[in-house]
Each structure stands twice: as structure tokens, then as C-alpha cells.
PDB file of all heavy atoms in Angstrom:
ATOM      1  N   GLY A   1     -27.696 180.499   7.808  1.00  0.00           N
ATOM      2  CA  GLY A   1     -26.373 181.121   7.713  1.00  0.00           C
ATOM      3  C   GLY A   1     -25.276 180.220   7.192  1.00  0.00           C
ATOM      4  O   GLY A   1     -24.175 180.676   6.923  1.00  0.00           O
ATOM      5  N   SER A   2     -25.566 178.916   7.068  1.00  0.00           N
ATOM      6  CA  SER A   2     -24.573 177.963   6.572  1.00  0.00           C
ATOM      7  C   SER A   2     -25.183 177.141   5.443  1.00  0.00           C
ATOM      8  O   SER A   2     -26.399 176.918   5.410  1.00  0.00           O
ATOM      9  CB  SER A   2     -24.135 177.003   7.688  1.00  0.00           C
ATOM     10  OG  SER A   2     -23.593 177.716   8.783  1.00  0.00           O
ATOM     11  N   GLU A   3     -24.315 176.671   4.546  1.00  0.00           N
ATOM     12  CA  GLU A   3     -24.819 175.879   3.409  1.00  0.00           C
ATOM     13  C   GLU A   3     -25.539 174.625   3.880  1.00  0.00           C
ATOM     14  O   GLU A   3     -26.547 174.215   3.330  1.00  0.00           O
ATOM     15  CB  GLU A   3     -23.657 175.506   2.482  1.00  0.00           C
ATOM     16  CG  GLU A   3     -23.547 176.422   1.290  1.00  0.00           C
ATOM     17  CD  GLU A   3     -22.511 175.948   0.292  1.00  0.00           C
ATOM     18  OE1 GLU A   3     -21.310 176.101   0.574  1.00  0.00           O
ATOM     19  OE2 GLU A   3     -22.923 175.408  -0.764  1.00  0.00           O
ATOM     20  N   LYS A   4     -24.996 173.995   4.927  1.00  0.00           N
ATOM     21  CA  LYS A   4     -25.620 172.784   5.460  1.00  0.00           C
ATOM     22  C   LYS A   4     -25.908 172.961   6.934  1.00  0.00           C
ATOM     23  O   LYS A   4     -25.077 173.469   7.688  1.00  0.00           O
ATOM     24  CB  LYS A   4     -24.704 171.577   5.254  1.00  0.00           C
ATOM     25  CG  LYS A   4     -24.633 171.101   3.811  1.00  0.00           C
ATOM     26  CD  LYS A   4     -23.887 169.812   3.695  1.00  0.00           C
ATOM     27  CE  LYS A   4     -23.966 169.281   2.254  1.00  0.00           C
ATOM     28  NZ  LYS A   4     -22.937 168.265   1.981  1.00  0.00           N
ATOM     29  N   LEU A   5     -27.092 172.542   7.350  1.00  0.00           N
ATOM     30  CA  LEU A   5     -27.467 172.577   8.758  1.00  0.00           C
ATOM     31  C   LEU A   5     -27.804 171.160   9.210  1.00  0.00           C
ATOM     32  O   LEU A   5     -28.151 170.309   8.391  1.00  0.00           O
ATOM     33  CB  LEU A   5     -28.718 173.455   8.949  1.00  0.00           C
ATOM     34  CG  LEU A   5     -28.590 174.967   8.737  1.00  0.00           C
ATOM     35  CD1 LEU A   5     -29.943 175.635   8.970  1.00  0.00           C
ATOM     36  CD2 LEU A   5     -27.534 175.570   9.652  1.00  0.00           C
ATOM     37  N   PRO A   6     -27.742 170.902  10.535  1.00  0.00           N
ATOM     38  CA  PRO A   6     -28.220 169.606  11.021  1.00  0.00           C
ATOM     39  C   PRO A   6     -29.679 169.394  10.588  1.00  0.00           C
ATOM     40  O   PRO A   6     -30.477 170.337  10.602  1.00  0.00           O
ATOM     41  CB  PRO A   6     -28.115 169.747  12.548  1.00  0.00           C
ATOM     42  CG  PRO A   6     -27.132 170.833  12.783  1.00  0.00           C
ATOM     43  CD  PRO A   6     -27.243 171.759  11.616  1.00  0.00           C
ATOM     44  N   GLU A   7     -29.997 168.181  10.195  1.00  0.00           N
ATOM     45  CA  GLU A   7     -31.342 167.870   9.686  1.00  0.00           C
ATOM     46  C   GLU A   7     -32.432 168.260  10.690  1.00  0.00           C
ATOM     47  O   GLU A   7     -33.500 168.752  10.333  1.00  0.00           O
ATOM     48  CB  GLU A   7     -31.431 166.371   9.374  1.00  0.00           C
ATOM     49  CG  GLU A   7     -32.694 165.994   8.624  1.00  0.00           C
ATOM     50  CD  GLU A   7     -32.742 164.496   8.308  1.00  0.00           C
ATOM     51  OE1 GLU A   7     -31.730 163.806   8.536  1.00  0.00           O
ATOM     52  OE2 GLU A   7     -33.806 164.045   7.848  1.00  0.00           O
ATOM     53  N   GLU A   8     -32.119 168.059  11.968  1.00  0.00           N
ATOM     54  CA  GLU A   8     -33.066 168.379  13.037  1.00  0.00           C
ATOM     55  C   GLU A   8     -33.470 169.862  12.996  1.00  0.00           C
ATOM     56  O   GLU A   8     -34.626 170.220  13.191  1.00  0.00           O
ATOM     57  CB  GLU A   8     -32.386 168.065  14.384  1.00  0.00           C
ATOM     58  CG  GLU A   8     -33.329 167.862  15.544  1.00  0.00           C
ATOM     59  CD  GLU A   8     -32.556 167.500  16.821  1.00  0.00           C
ATOM     60  OE1 GLU A   8     -31.471 166.887  16.736  1.00  0.00           O
ATOM     61  OE2 GLU A   8     -33.054 167.844  17.895  1.00  0.00           O
ATOM     62  N   LEU A   9     -32.476 170.720  12.730  1.00  0.00           N
ATOM     63  CA  LEU A   9     -32.754 172.156  12.672  1.00  0.00           C
ATOM     64  C   LEU A   9     -33.466 172.537  11.381  1.00  0.00           C
ATOM     65  O   LEU A   9     -34.349 173.396  11.373  1.00  0.00           O
ATOM     66  CB  LEU A   9     -31.470 172.971  12.831  1.00  0.00           C
ATOM     67  CG  LEU A   9     -30.845 172.966  14.223  1.00  0.00           C
ATOM     68  CD1 LEU A   9     -29.612 173.868  14.265  1.00  0.00           C
ATOM     69  CD2 LEU A   9     -31.843 173.421  15.282  1.00  0.00           C
ATOM     70  N   THR A  10     -33.093 171.901  10.296  1.00  0.00           N
ATOM     71  CA  THR A  10     -33.778 172.155   9.015  1.00  0.00           C
ATOM     72  C   THR A  10     -35.260 171.835   9.145  1.00  0.00           C
ATOM     73  O   THR A  10     -36.124 172.611   8.718  1.00  0.00           O
ATOM     74  CB  THR A  10     -33.155 171.299   7.890  1.00  0.00           C
ATOM     75  OG1 THR A  10     -31.762 171.626   7.801  1.00  0.00           O
ATOM     76  CG2 THR A  10     -33.812 171.584   6.548  1.00  0.00           C
ATOM     77  N   ASN A  11     -35.571 170.709   9.771  1.00  0.00           N
ATOM     78  CA  ASN A  11     -36.977 170.319   9.972  1.00  0.00           C
ATOM     79  C   ASN A  11     -37.701 171.323  10.875  1.00  0.00           C
ATOM     80  O   ASN A  11     -38.842 171.698  10.619  1.00  0.00           O
ATOM     81  CB  ASN A  11     -37.066 168.916  10.595  1.00  0.00           C
ATOM     82  CG  ASN A  11     -36.587 167.839   9.635  1.00  0.00           C
ATOM     83  OD1 ASN A  11     -36.564 168.064   8.418  1.00  0.00           O
ATOM     84  ND2 ASN A  11     -36.190 166.696  10.151  1.00  0.00           N
ATOM     85  N   HIS A  12     -37.011 171.768  11.926  1.00  0.00           N
ATOM     86  CA  HIS A  12     -37.626 172.718  12.861  1.00  0.00           C
ATOM     87  C   HIS A  12     -37.911 174.051  12.164  1.00  0.00           C
ATOM     88  O   HIS A  12     -38.949 174.679  12.396  1.00  0.00           O
ATOM     89  CB  HIS A  12     -36.714 172.926  14.076  1.00  0.00           C
ATOM     90  CG  HIS A  12     -37.439 173.414  15.301  1.00  0.00           C
ATOM     91  ND1 HIS A  12     -38.238 172.610  16.088  1.00  0.00           N
ATOM     92  CD2 HIS A  12     -37.518 174.654  15.874  1.00  0.00           C
ATOM     93  CE1 HIS A  12     -38.761 173.316  17.074  1.00  0.00           C
ATOM     94  NE2 HIS A  12     -38.346 174.571  16.955  1.00  0.00           N
ATOM     95  N   LEU A  13     -36.996 174.465  11.305  1.00  0.00           N
ATOM     96  CA  LEU A  13     -37.196 175.690  10.524  1.00  0.00           C
ATOM     97  C   LEU A  13     -38.418 175.561   9.613  1.00  0.00           C
ATOM     98  O   LEU A  13     -39.252 176.463   9.536  1.00  0.00           O
ATOM     99  CB  LEU A  13     -35.952 175.991   9.672  1.00  0.00           C
ATOM    100  CG  LEU A  13     -34.768 176.657  10.352  1.00  0.00           C
ATOM    101  CD1 LEU A  13     -33.541 176.614   9.465  1.00  0.00           C
ATOM    102  CD2 LEU A  13     -35.093 178.102  10.702  1.00  0.00           C
ATOM    103  N   GLN A  14     -38.504 174.421   8.945  1.00  0.00           N
ATOM    104  CA  GLN A  14     -39.625 174.209   8.019  1.00  0.00           C
ATOM    105  C   GLN A  14     -40.958 174.185   8.758  1.00  0.00           C
ATOM    106  O   GLN A  14     -41.970 174.695   8.262  1.00  0.00           O
ATOM    107  CB  GLN A  14     -39.417 172.908   7.237  1.00  0.00           C
ATOM    108  CG  GLN A  14     -38.330 173.025   6.174  1.00  0.00           C
ATOM    109  CD  GLN A  14     -37.932 171.677   5.599  1.00  0.00           C
ATOM    110  OE1 GLN A  14     -38.285 170.621   6.129  1.00  0.00           O
ATOM    111  NE2 GLN A  14     -37.174 171.690   4.507  1.00  0.00           N
ATOM    112  N   ASN A  15     -40.945 173.613   9.946  1.00  0.00           N
ATOM    113  CA  ASN A  15     -42.188 173.509  10.718  1.00  0.00           C
ATOM    114  C   ASN A  15     -42.571 174.798  11.433  1.00  0.00           C
ATOM    115  O   ASN A  15     -43.663 174.910  11.972  1.00  0.00           O
ATOM    116  CB  ASN A  15     -42.073 172.373  11.756  1.00  0.00           C
ATOM    117  CG  ASN A  15     -41.964 171.008  11.084  1.00  0.00           C
ATOM    118  OD1 ASN A  15     -42.430 170.832   9.969  1.00  0.00           O
ATOM    119  ND2 ASN A  15     -41.316 170.059  11.745  1.00  0.00           N
ATOM    120  N   SER A  16     -41.650 175.775  11.460  1.00  0.00           N
ATOM    121  CA  SER A  16     -41.899 176.995  12.227  1.00  0.00           C
ATOM    122  C   SER A  16     -42.944 177.896  11.565  1.00  0.00           C
ATOM    123  O   SER A  16     -43.546 178.741  12.216  1.00  0.00           O
ATOM    124  CB  SER A  16     -40.602 177.786  12.400  1.00  0.00           C
ATOM    125  OG  SER A  16     -40.219 178.393  11.168  1.00  0.00           O
ATOM    126  N   GLU A  17     -43.133 177.723  10.259  1.00  0.00           N
ATOM    127  CA  GLU A  17     -44.085 178.543   9.497  1.00  0.00           C
ATOM    128  C   GLU A  17     -43.770 180.035   9.616  1.00  0.00           C
ATOM    129  O   GLU A  17     -44.660 180.885   9.617  1.00  0.00           O
ATOM    130  CB  GLU A  17     -45.534 178.250   9.920  1.00  0.00           C
ATOM    131  CG  GLU A  17     -45.943 176.817   9.618  1.00  0.00           C
ATOM    132  CD  GLU A  17     -47.386 176.514   9.969  1.00  0.00           C
ATOM    133  OE1 GLU A  17     -48.067 177.398  10.511  1.00  0.00           O
ATOM    134  OE2 GLU A  17     -47.825 175.390   9.678  1.00  0.00           O
ATOM    135  N   LYS A  18     -42.486 180.333   9.737  1.00  0.00           N
ATOM    136  CA  LYS A  18     -42.043 181.727   9.785  1.00  0.00           C
ATOM    137  C   LYS A  18     -41.254 182.016   8.510  1.00  0.00           C
ATOM    138  O   LYS A  18     -40.779 181.096   7.843  1.00  0.00           O
ATOM    139  CB  LYS A  18     -41.146 181.935  11.017  1.00  0.00           C
ATOM    140  CG  LYS A  18     -41.921 181.767  12.306  1.00  0.00           C
ATOM    141  CD  LYS A  18     -41.036 181.843  13.527  1.00  0.00           C
ATOM    142  CE  LYS A  18     -41.886 181.621  14.773  1.00  0.00           C
ATOM    143  NZ  LYS A  18     -41.116 181.676  16.003  1.00  0.00           N
ATOM    144  N   PRO A  19     -41.096 183.302   8.163  1.00  0.00           N
ATOM    145  CA  PRO A  19     -40.284 183.626   6.986  1.00  0.00           C
ATOM    146  C   PRO A  19     -38.853 183.127   7.170  1.00  0.00           C
ATOM    147  O   PRO A  19     -38.239 183.359   8.218  1.00  0.00           O
ATOM    148  CB  PRO A  19     -40.321 185.160   6.931  1.00  0.00           C
ATOM    149  CG  PRO A  19     -41.474 185.575   7.770  1.00  0.00           C
ATOM    150  CD  PRO A  19     -41.658 184.511   8.803  1.00  0.00           C
ATOM    151  N   VAL A  20     -38.342 182.410   6.176  1.00  0.00           N
ATOM    152  CA  VAL A  20     -36.974 181.882   6.228  1.00  0.00           C
ATOM    153  C   VAL A  20     -36.246 182.290   4.950  1.00  0.00           C
ATOM    154  O   VAL A  20     -36.747 182.063   3.845  1.00  0.00           O
ATOM    155  CB  VAL A  20     -36.966 180.341   6.361  1.00  0.00           C
ATOM    156  CG1 VAL A  20     -35.534 179.812   6.346  1.00  0.00           C
ATOM    157  CG2 VAL A  20     -37.674 179.893   7.653  1.00  0.00           C
ATOM    158  N   LEU A  21     -35.086 182.901   5.102  1.00  0.00           N
ATOM    159  CA  LEU A  21     -34.254 183.228   3.943  1.00  0.00           C
ATOM    160  C   LEU A  21     -33.208 182.130   3.785  1.00  0.00           C
ATOM    161  O   LEU A  21     -32.483 181.815   4.723  1.00  0.00           O
ATOM    162  CB  LEU A  21     -33.568 184.578   4.146  1.00  0.00           C
ATOM    163  CG  LEU A  21     -32.604 185.030   3.031  1.00  0.00           C
ATOM    164  CD1 LEU A  21     -33.359 185.280   1.728  1.00  0.00           C
ATOM    165  CD2 LEU A  21     -31.818 186.267   3.440  1.00  0.00           C
ATOM    166  N   ASP A  22     -33.127 181.566   2.591  1.00  0.00           N
ATOM    167  CA  ASP A  22     -32.149 180.514   2.329  1.00  0.00           C
ATOM    168  C   ASP A  22     -30.722 181.062   2.384  1.00  0.00           C
ATOM    169  O   ASP A  22     -30.493 182.263   2.308  1.00  0.00           O
ATOM    170  CB  ASP A  22     -32.405 179.880   0.960  1.00  0.00           C
ATOM    171  CG  ASP A  22     -33.621 178.958   1.001  1.00  0.00           C
ATOM    172  OD1 ASP A  22     -33.952 178.451   2.098  1.00  0.00           O
ATOM    173  OD2 ASP A  22     -34.261 178.775  -0.056  1.00  0.00           O
ATOM    174  N   TYR A  23     -29.792 180.142   2.481  1.00  0.00           N
ATOM    175  CA  TYR A  23     -28.375 180.502   2.592  1.00  0.00           C
ATOM    176  C   TYR A  23     -27.918 181.396   1.440  1.00  0.00           C
ATOM    177  O   TYR A  23     -28.216 181.129   0.281  1.00  0.00           O
ATOM    178  CB  TYR A  23     -27.515 179.226   2.626  1.00  0.00           C
ATOM    179  CG  TYR A  23     -26.038 179.505   2.537  1.00  0.00           C
ATOM    180  CD1 TYR A  23     -25.347 180.019   3.628  1.00  0.00           C
ATOM    181  CD2 TYR A  23     -25.336 179.266   1.351  1.00  0.00           C
ATOM    182  CE1 TYR A  23     -23.982 180.301   3.556  1.00  0.00           C
ATOM    183  CE2 TYR A  23     -23.977 179.540   1.267  1.00  0.00           C
ATOM    184  CZ  TYR A  23     -23.315 180.065   2.360  1.00  0.00           C
ATOM    185  OH  TYR A  23     -21.979 180.343   2.278  1.00  0.00           O
ATOM    186  N   LYS A  24     -27.199 182.442   1.805  1.00  0.00           N
ATOM    187  CA  LYS A  24     -26.564 183.321   0.810  1.00  0.00           C
ATOM    188  C   LYS A  24     -25.108 183.503   1.224  1.00  0.00           C
ATOM    189  O   LYS A  24     -24.813 183.778   2.388  1.00  0.00           O
ATOM    190  CB  LYS A  24     -27.240 184.708   0.784  1.00  0.00           C
ATOM    191  CG  LYS A  24     -28.719 184.675   0.415  1.00  0.00           C
ATOM    192  CD  LYS A  24     -28.912 184.431  -1.070  1.00  0.00           C
ATOM    193  CE  LYS A  24     -30.376 184.460  -1.462  1.00  0.00           C
ATOM    194  NZ  LYS A  24     -30.946 183.149  -1.706  1.00  0.00           N
ATOM    195  N   SER A  25     -24.203 183.375   0.266  1.00  0.00           N
ATOM    196  CA  SER A  25     -22.778 183.526   0.581  1.00  0.00           C
ATOM    197  C   SER A  25     -22.455 184.994   0.842  1.00  0.00           C
ATOM    198  O   SER A  25     -23.256 185.892   0.558  1.00  0.00           O
ATOM    199  CB  SER A  25     -21.921 183.019  -0.587  1.00  0.00           C
ATOM    200  OG  SER A  25     -22.019 183.939  -1.662  1.00  0.00           O
ATOM    201  N   LYS A  26     -21.253 185.218   1.350  1.00  0.00           N
ATOM    202  CA  LYS A  26     -20.820 186.575   1.688  1.00  0.00           C
ATOM    203  C   LYS A  26     -20.836 187.487   0.461  1.00  0.00           C
ATOM    204  O   LYS A  26     -21.020 188.694   0.553  1.00  0.00           O
ATOM    205  CB  LYS A  26     -19.411 186.508   2.288  1.00  0.00           C
ATOM    206  CG  LYS A  26     -19.021 187.722   3.091  1.00  0.00           C
ATOM    207  CD  LYS A  26     -17.799 187.476   3.947  1.00  0.00           C
ATOM    208  CE  LYS A  26     -16.530 187.500   3.134  1.00  0.00           C
ATOM    209  NZ  LYS A  26     -15.327 187.462   3.988  1.00  0.00           N
ATOM    210  N   ASP A  27     -20.639 186.898  -0.719  1.00  0.00           N
ATOM    211  CA  ASP A  27     -20.578 187.696  -1.953  1.00  0.00           C
ATOM    212  C   ASP A  27     -21.950 188.061  -2.494  1.00  0.00           C
ATOM    213  O   ASP A  27     -22.062 188.954  -3.323  1.00  0.00           O
ATOM    214  CB  ASP A  27     -19.809 186.920  -3.037  1.00  0.00           C
ATOM    215  CG  ASP A  27     -18.400 186.572  -2.581  1.00  0.00           C
ATOM    216  OD1 ASP A  27     -17.806 187.400  -1.871  1.00  0.00           O
ATOM    217  OD2 ASP A  27     -17.918 185.479  -2.918  1.00  0.00           O
ATOM    218  N   GLU A  28     -22.990 187.392  -2.056  1.00  0.00           N
ATOM    219  CA  GLU A  28     -24.304 187.596  -2.679  1.00  0.00           C
ATOM    220  C   GLU A  28     -25.419 187.954  -1.697  1.00  0.00           C
ATOM    221  O   GLU A  28     -26.570 188.092  -2.082  1.00  0.00           O
ATOM    222  CB  GLU A  28     -24.716 186.321  -3.437  1.00  0.00           C
ATOM    223  CG  GLU A  28     -24.796 185.106  -2.524  1.00  0.00           C
ATOM    224  CD  GLU A  28     -25.324 183.843  -3.185  1.00  0.00           C
ATOM    225  OE1 GLU A  28     -25.614 183.852  -4.381  1.00  0.00           O
ATOM    226  OE2 GLU A  28     -25.448 182.845  -2.460  1.00  0.00           O
ATOM    227  N   PHE A  29     -25.045 188.159  -0.419  1.00  0.00           N
ATOM    228  CA  PHE A  29     -26.105 188.297   0.590  1.00  0.00           C
ATOM    229  C   PHE A  29     -26.788 189.671   0.580  1.00  0.00           C
ATOM    230  O   PHE A  29     -27.938 189.802   0.965  1.00  0.00           O
ATOM    231  CB  PHE A  29     -25.516 188.052   1.999  1.00  0.00           C
ATOM    232  CG  PHE A  29     -24.834 189.243   2.587  1.00  0.00           C
ATOM    233  CD1 PHE A  29     -25.526 190.101   3.440  1.00  0.00           C
ATOM    234  CD2 PHE A  29     -23.524 189.558   2.249  1.00  0.00           C
ATOM    235  CE1 PHE A  29     -24.908 191.220   3.975  1.00  0.00           C
ATOM    236  CE2 PHE A  29     -22.901 190.680   2.774  1.00  0.00           C
ATOM    237  CZ  PHE A  29     -23.605 191.514   3.640  1.00  0.00           C
ATOM    238  N   SER A  30     -26.063 190.685   0.143  1.00  0.00           N
ATOM    239  CA  SER A  30     -26.468 192.074   0.375  1.00  0.00           C
ATOM    240  C   SER A  30     -27.895 192.378  -0.068  1.00  0.00           C
ATOM    241  O   SER A  30     -28.738 192.827   0.727  1.00  0.00           O
ATOM    242  CB  SER A  30     -25.480 193.011  -0.327  1.00  0.00           C
ATOM    243  OG  SER A  30     -25.785 194.338  -0.036  1.00  0.00           O
ATOM    244  N   GLU A  31     -28.180 192.135  -1.326  1.00  0.00           N
ATOM    245  CA  GLU A  31     -29.516 192.438  -1.854  1.00  0.00           C
ATOM    246  C   GLU A  31     -30.588 191.568  -1.201  1.00  0.00           C
ATOM    247  O   GLU A  31     -31.676 192.038  -0.857  1.00  0.00           O
ATOM    248  CB  GLU A  31     -29.509 192.216  -3.376  1.00  0.00           C
ATOM    249  CG  GLU A  31     -30.472 193.104  -4.127  1.00  0.00           C
ATOM    250  CD  GLU A  31     -30.251 193.000  -5.633  1.00  0.00           C
ATOM    251  OE1 GLU A  31     -29.177 193.417  -6.114  1.00  0.00           O
ATOM    252  OE2 GLU A  31     -31.153 192.468  -6.292  1.00  0.00           O
ATOM    253  N   ALA A  32     -30.242 190.296  -1.001  1.00  0.00           N
ATOM    254  CA  ALA A  32     -31.216 189.343  -0.429  1.00  0.00           C
ATOM    255  C   ALA A  32     -31.584 189.738   1.010  1.00  0.00           C
ATOM    256  O   ALA A  32     -32.755 189.704   1.395  1.00  0.00           O
ATOM    257  CB  ALA A  32     -30.644 187.930  -0.461  1.00  0.00           C
ATOM    258  N   TYR A  33     -30.576 190.105   1.810  1.00  0.00           N
ATOM    259  CA  TYR A  33     -30.844 190.511   3.194  1.00  0.00           C
ATOM    260  C   TYR A  33     -31.707 191.772   3.230  1.00  0.00           C
ATOM    261  O   TYR A  33     -32.650 191.871   4.013  1.00  0.00           O
ATOM    262  CB  TYR A  33     -29.528 190.784   3.951  1.00  0.00           C
ATOM    263  CG  TYR A  33     -28.891 189.557   4.579  1.00  0.00           C
ATOM    264  CD1 TYR A  33     -28.881 188.328   3.908  1.00  0.00           C
ATOM    265  CD2 TYR A  33     -28.275 189.619   5.823  1.00  0.00           C
ATOM    266  CE1 TYR A  33     -28.279 187.224   4.466  1.00  0.00           C
ATOM    267  CE2 TYR A  33     -27.662 188.500   6.394  1.00  0.00           C
ATOM    268  CZ  TYR A  33     -27.671 187.309   5.712  1.00  0.00           C
ATOM    269  OH  TYR A  33     -27.072 186.205   6.274  1.00  0.00           O
ATOM    270  N   THR A  34     -31.363 192.740   2.371  1.00  0.00           N
ATOM    271  CA  THR A  34     -32.110 193.999   2.344  1.00  0.00           C
ATOM    272  C   THR A  34     -33.575 193.750   2.014  1.00  0.00           C
ATOM    273  O   THR A  34     -34.473 194.272   2.684  1.00  0.00           O
ATOM    274  CB  THR A  34     -31.504 194.964   1.294  1.00  0.00           C
ATOM    275  OG1 THR A  34     -30.111 195.100   1.552  1.00  0.00           O
ATOM    276  CG2 THR A  34     -32.144 196.335   1.369  1.00  0.00           C
ATOM    277  N   GLU A  35     -33.790 192.929   1.005  1.00  0.00           N
ATOM    278  CA  GLU A  35     -35.174 192.628   0.605  1.00  0.00           C
ATOM    279  C   GLU A  35     -35.904 191.853   1.703  1.00  0.00           C
ATOM    280  O   GLU A  35     -37.067 192.112   2.004  1.00  0.00           O
ATOM    281  CB  GLU A  35     -35.191 191.826  -0.706  1.00  0.00           C
ATOM    282  CG  GLU A  35     -36.595 191.673  -1.259  1.00  0.00           C
ATOM    283  CD  GLU A  35     -36.653 190.843  -2.525  1.00  0.00           C
ATOM    284  OE1 GLU A  35     -35.586 190.593  -3.134  1.00  0.00           O
ATOM    285  OE2 GLU A  35     -37.757 190.419  -2.895  1.00  0.00           O
ATOM    286  N   PHE A  36     -35.205 190.918   2.315  1.00  0.00           N
ATOM    287  CA  PHE A  36     -35.798 190.112   3.390  1.00  0.00           C
ATOM    288  C   PHE A  36     -36.189 190.995   4.578  1.00  0.00           C
ATOM    289  O   PHE A  36     -37.295 190.915   5.104  1.00  0.00           O
ATOM    290  CB  PHE A  36     -34.800 189.031   3.828  1.00  0.00           C
ATOM    291  CG  PHE A  36     -35.363 188.008   4.789  1.00  0.00           C
ATOM    292  CD1 PHE A  36     -36.330 187.086   4.366  1.00  0.00           C
ATOM    293  CD2 PHE A  36     -34.915 187.950   6.102  1.00  0.00           C
ATOM    294  CE1 PHE A  36     -36.841 186.126   5.242  1.00  0.00           C
ATOM    295  CE2 PHE A  36     -35.427 186.992   6.985  1.00  0.00           C
ATOM    296  CZ  PHE A  36     -36.381 186.082   6.558  1.00  0.00           C
ATOM    297  N   TYR A  37     -35.269 191.868   4.989  1.00  0.00           N
ATOM    298  CA  TYR A  37     -35.561 192.814   6.083  1.00  0.00           C
ATOM    299  C   TYR A  37     -36.810 193.650   5.756  1.00  0.00           C
ATOM    300  O   TYR A  37     -37.709 193.809   6.576  1.00  0.00           O
ATOM    301  CB  TYR A  37     -34.386 193.795   6.277  1.00  0.00           C
ATOM    302  CG  TYR A  37     -33.163 193.270   7.013  1.00  0.00           C
ATOM    303  CD1 TYR A  37     -31.950 193.926   6.880  1.00  0.00           C
ATOM    304  CD2 TYR A  37     -33.204 192.162   7.858  1.00  0.00           C
ATOM    305  CE1 TYR A  37     -30.798 193.502   7.558  1.00  0.00           C
ATOM    306  CE2 TYR A  37     -32.082 191.739   8.538  1.00  0.00           C
ATOM    307  CZ  TYR A  37     -30.877 192.401   8.382  1.00  0.00           C
ATOM    308  OH  TYR A  37     -29.748 191.977   9.050  1.00  0.00           O
ATOM    309  N   ASN A  38     -36.829 194.195   4.542  1.00  0.00           N
ATOM    310  CA  ASN A  38     -37.883 195.139   4.174  1.00  0.00           C
ATOM    311  C   ASN A  38     -39.250 194.483   3.953  1.00  0.00           C
ATOM    312  O   ASN A  38     -40.271 195.012   4.363  1.00  0.00           O
ATOM    313  CB  ASN A  38     -37.490 195.928   2.932  1.00  0.00           C
ATOM    314  CG  ASN A  38     -36.524 197.053   3.241  1.00  0.00           C
ATOM    315  OD1 ASN A  38     -36.630 197.692   4.279  1.00  0.00           O
ATOM    316  ND2 ASN A  38     -35.564 197.291   2.358  1.00  0.00           N
ATOM    317  N   THR A  39     -39.253 193.319   3.284  1.00  0.00           N
ATOM    318  CA  THR A  39     -40.535 192.740   2.874  1.00  0.00           C
ATOM    319  C   THR A  39     -41.038 191.664   3.849  1.00  0.00           C
ATOM    320  O   THR A  39     -42.230 191.604   4.148  1.00  0.00           O
ATOM    321  CB  THR A  39     -40.446 192.119   1.469  1.00  0.00           C
ATOM    322  OG1 THR A  39     -39.454 191.081   1.463  1.00  0.00           O
ATOM    323  CG2 THR A  39     -40.066 193.178   0.441  1.00  0.00           C
ATOM    324  N   LYS A  40     -40.143 190.823   4.365  1.00  0.00           N
ATOM    325  CA  LYS A  40     -40.580 189.700   5.201  1.00  0.00           C
ATOM    326  C   LYS A  40     -40.563 190.026   6.688  1.00  0.00           C
ATOM    327  O   LYS A  40     -41.380 189.527   7.449  1.00  0.00           O
ATOM    328  CB  LYS A  40     -39.713 188.453   4.952  1.00  0.00           C
ATOM    329  CG  LYS A  40     -39.703 187.982   3.520  1.00  0.00           C
ATOM    330  CD  LYS A  40     -41.066 187.486   3.076  1.00  0.00           C
ATOM    331  CE  LYS A  40     -40.991 186.857   1.697  1.00  0.00           C
ATOM    332  NZ  LYS A  40     -42.315 186.682   1.090  1.00  0.00           N
TER     333      LYS A  40
END
């Protein structure tokens, strides 16, 4: 949800092996969120 996260959390996200959607700004999130919800 933020452009930069604490490194500790970034590593934990990468190690989770779960679907992760990269940061999207308020102006560009709409399509990405919809696709993420539907497909991932």
C-alpha cells in the first residue's frame, strides 16, 4: 500500500509465497485491484 516499506516487511512478503500486488497509486489502482481480486 506504500511506495516504500520497512525492509523487514518486504522480506517477509517475499518469503510468504502468497500473491502480492505491487504498489499502485490512487490514480492507477482501479484496474490492478480488480484484476488482482478476480485472478489472484
